Each structure stands twice: as structure tokens, then as C-alpha cells.
């Protein structure tokens, strides 16, 4: 079963774009699927994550926000493999 991460993002957010780009090699290395979700398209997500975006999630587990914490994300992915 493939691991799916969710990147809570918004279209005009440079930090969101930066995290998506930084995450790509890690996702490729671990065979992870990344789904990018626009926080502004969902009022519940906006209420929860508005000022925290970008937010990287695995299910309900928040791995990081604002910037990719590569070491933490790598350790987490290695642990759930």
C-alpha cells in the first residue's frame, strides 16, 4: 500500500511552492504519493490551517509546517515503511 502525504497549500504562497519542490525528491526516494490540497477551497481546512500553510500531513499527523523538516519527515517515512 502506497504512503500518501497531503500538502495543505495555497496558490499564491511561495513557502507552499518551496515545500512542494523540496518534498519531491524525498517523495520519489520513498515512493510516496503527495496530494496538494488548496486550503482556500475548503472552509474547514482554512479555519484549521490558515496561517500555518504550508502544512505536510500523513493522515491526521502533522509532519511539519512553514518549511519542510527533511530530517523529521525522512525519519517518519522510514518508520512507517
C-alpha atoms as a PDB file:
ATOM      1  CA  UNK A   1       0.000   0.000   0.000  1.00  0.00           C
ATOM      2  CA  UNK A   2       1.426   3.350  -1.052  1.00  0.00           C
ATOM      3  CA  UNK A   3       2.043   6.055   1.500  1.00  0.00           C
ATOM      4  CA  UNK A   4       0.082   9.232   0.809  1.00  0.00           C
ATOM      5  CA  UNK A   5       1.065  12.592   2.203  1.00  0.00           C
ATOM      6  CA  UNK A   6      -1.112  15.680   1.987  1.00  0.00           C
ATOM      7  CA  UNK A   7       0.361  19.112   1.454  1.00  0.00           C
ATOM      8  CA  UNK A   8      -2.054  21.804   2.583  1.00  0.00           C
ATOM      9  CA  UNK A   9      -1.184  24.728   0.347  1.00  0.00           C
ATOM     10  CA  UNK A  10      -2.455  27.848  -1.375  1.00  0.00           C
ATOM     11  CA  UNK A  11      -1.755  29.006  -4.897  1.00  0.00           C
ATOM     12  CA  UNK A  12      -0.144  32.375  -4.083  1.00  0.00           C
ATOM     13  CA  UNK A  13       2.067  31.107  -1.230  1.00  0.00           C
ATOM     14  CA  UNK A  14       5.785  30.982  -2.044  1.00  0.00           C
ATOM     15  CA  UNK A  15       6.516  28.880   1.064  1.00  0.00           C
ATOM     16  CA  UNK A  16       3.949  26.356  -0.181  1.00  0.00           C
ATOM     17  CA  UNK A  17       5.621  26.162  -3.570  1.00  0.00           C
ATOM     18  CA  UNK A  18       9.044  25.854  -1.916  1.00  0.00           C
ATOM     19  CA  UNK A  19       7.874  22.970   0.296  1.00  0.00           C
ATOM     20  CA  UNK A  20       6.341  21.153  -2.678  1.00  0.00           C
ATOM     21  CA  UNK A  21       9.616  21.424  -4.612  1.00  0.00           C
ATOM     22  CA  UNK A  22      11.731  20.385  -1.596  1.00  0.00           C
ATOM     23  CA  UNK A  23       9.433  17.431  -0.906  1.00  0.00           C
ATOM     24  CA  UNK A  24       9.592  15.985  -4.440  1.00  0.00           C
ATOM     25  CA  UNK A  25      12.984  14.203  -4.133  1.00  0.00           C
ATOM     26  CA  UNK A  26      12.040  12.754  -0.743  1.00  0.00           C
ATOM     27  CA  UNK A  27       8.682  11.554  -2.064  1.00  0.00           C
ATOM     28  CA  UNK A  28      10.440   9.963  -5.015  1.00  0.00           C
ATOM     29  CA  UNK A  29      13.011   8.259  -2.770  1.00  0.00           C
ATOM     30  CA  UNK A  30      10.327   6.722  -0.531  1.00  0.00           C
ATOM     31  CA  UNK A  31       7.748   6.101  -3.265  1.00  0.00           C
ATOM     32  CA  UNK A  32       5.311   8.450  -1.581  1.00  0.00           C
ATOM     33  CA  UNK A  33       2.300   9.987  -3.301  1.00  0.00           C
ATOM     34  CA  UNK A  34       1.801  13.666  -2.461  1.00  0.00           C
ATOM     35  CA  UNK A  35      -1.634  15.229  -2.801  1.00  0.00           C
ATOM     36  CA  UNK A  36      -1.683  19.021  -2.804  1.00  0.00           C
ATOM     37  CA  UNK A  37      -4.869  20.476  -1.327  1.00  0.00           C
ATOM     38  CA  UNK A  38      -5.818  24.149  -1.657  1.00  0.00           C
ATOM     39  CA  UNK A  39      -6.631  25.395   1.842  1.00  0.00           C
ATOM     40  CA  UNK A  40      -8.743  28.212   0.397  1.00  0.00           C
ATOM     41  CA  UNK A  41     -11.098  25.741  -1.334  1.00  0.00           C
ATOM     42  CA  UNK A  42     -12.238  24.178   1.945  1.00  0.00           C
ATOM     43  CA  UNK A  43     -13.604  26.358   4.785  1.00  0.00           C
ATOM     44  CA  UNK A  44     -12.841  23.697   7.420  1.00  0.00           C
ATOM     45  CA  UNK A  45      -9.208  23.403   6.300  1.00  0.00           C
ATOM     46  CA  UNK A  46      -8.921  27.184   6.121  1.00  0.00           C
ATOM     47  CA  UNK A  47     -10.232  27.526   9.659  1.00  0.00           C
ATOM     48  CA  UNK A  48      -7.764  24.916  10.917  1.00  0.00           C
ATOM     49  CA  UNK A  49      -4.598  25.706   8.921  1.00  0.00           C
ATOM     50  CA  UNK A  50      -4.979  29.240   7.548  1.00  0.00           C
ATOM     51  CA  UNK A  51      -1.840  30.840   8.977  1.00  0.00           C
ATOM     52  CA  UNK A  52       0.171  27.600   9.207  1.00  0.00           C
ATOM     53  CA  UNK A  53       0.377  26.793   5.483  1.00  0.00           C
ATOM     54  CA  UNK A  54       2.125  25.001   4.055  1.00  0.00           C
ATOM     55  CA  UNK A  55       1.350  22.007   6.261  1.00  0.00           C
ATOM     56  CA  UNK A  56       2.544  18.487   5.488  1.00  0.00           C
ATOM     57  CA  UNK A  57       0.302  15.716   6.809  1.00  0.00           C
ATOM     58  CA  UNK A  58       0.178  11.946   6.868  1.00  0.00           C
ATOM     59  CA  UNK A  59      -3.455  11.328   7.695  1.00  0.00           C
ATOM     60  CA  UNK A  60      -4.037  13.495  10.756  1.00  0.00           C
ATOM     61  CA  UNK A  61      -0.360  13.521  11.747  1.00  0.00           C
ATOM     62  CA  UNK A  62       1.270  16.891  11.123  1.00  0.00           C
ATOM     63  CA  UNK A  63       4.851  16.349   9.993  1.00  0.00           C
ATOM     64  CA  UNK A  64       5.822  19.989   9.565  1.00  0.00           C
ATOM     65  CA  UNK A  65       4.572  23.426   8.579  1.00  0.00           C
ATOM     66  CA  UNK A  66       6.071  26.557   7.001  1.00  0.00           C
ATOM     67  CA  UNK A  67       9.206  24.695   5.876  1.00  0.00           C
ATOM     68  CA  UNK A  68       9.970  21.065   5.088  1.00  0.00           C
ATOM     69  CA  UNK A  69      11.701  19.425   8.028  1.00  0.00           C
ATOM     70  CA  UNK A  70      13.531  16.912   5.867  1.00  0.00           C
ATOM     71  CA  UNK A  71      15.189  15.024   8.731  1.00  0.00           C
ATOM     72  CA  UNK A  72      11.934  14.597  10.660  1.00  0.00           C
ATOM     73  CA  UNK A  73       9.998  13.651   7.517  1.00  0.00           C
ATOM     74  CA  UNK A  74      12.671  11.165   6.443  1.00  0.00           C
ATOM     75  CA  UNK A  75      12.707   9.568   9.920  1.00  0.00           C
ATOM     76  CA  UNK A  76       8.895   9.385   9.955  1.00  0.00           C
ATOM     77  CA  UNK A  77       8.703   7.804   6.495  1.00  0.00           C
ATOM     78  CA  UNK A  78      11.409   5.264   7.353  1.00  0.00           C
ATOM     79  CA  UNK A  79       9.461   4.308  10.470  1.00  0.00           C
ATOM     80  CA  UNK A  80       6.173   3.613   8.677  1.00  0.00           C
ATOM     81  CA  UNK A  81       7.598   1.719   5.724  1.00  0.00           C
END
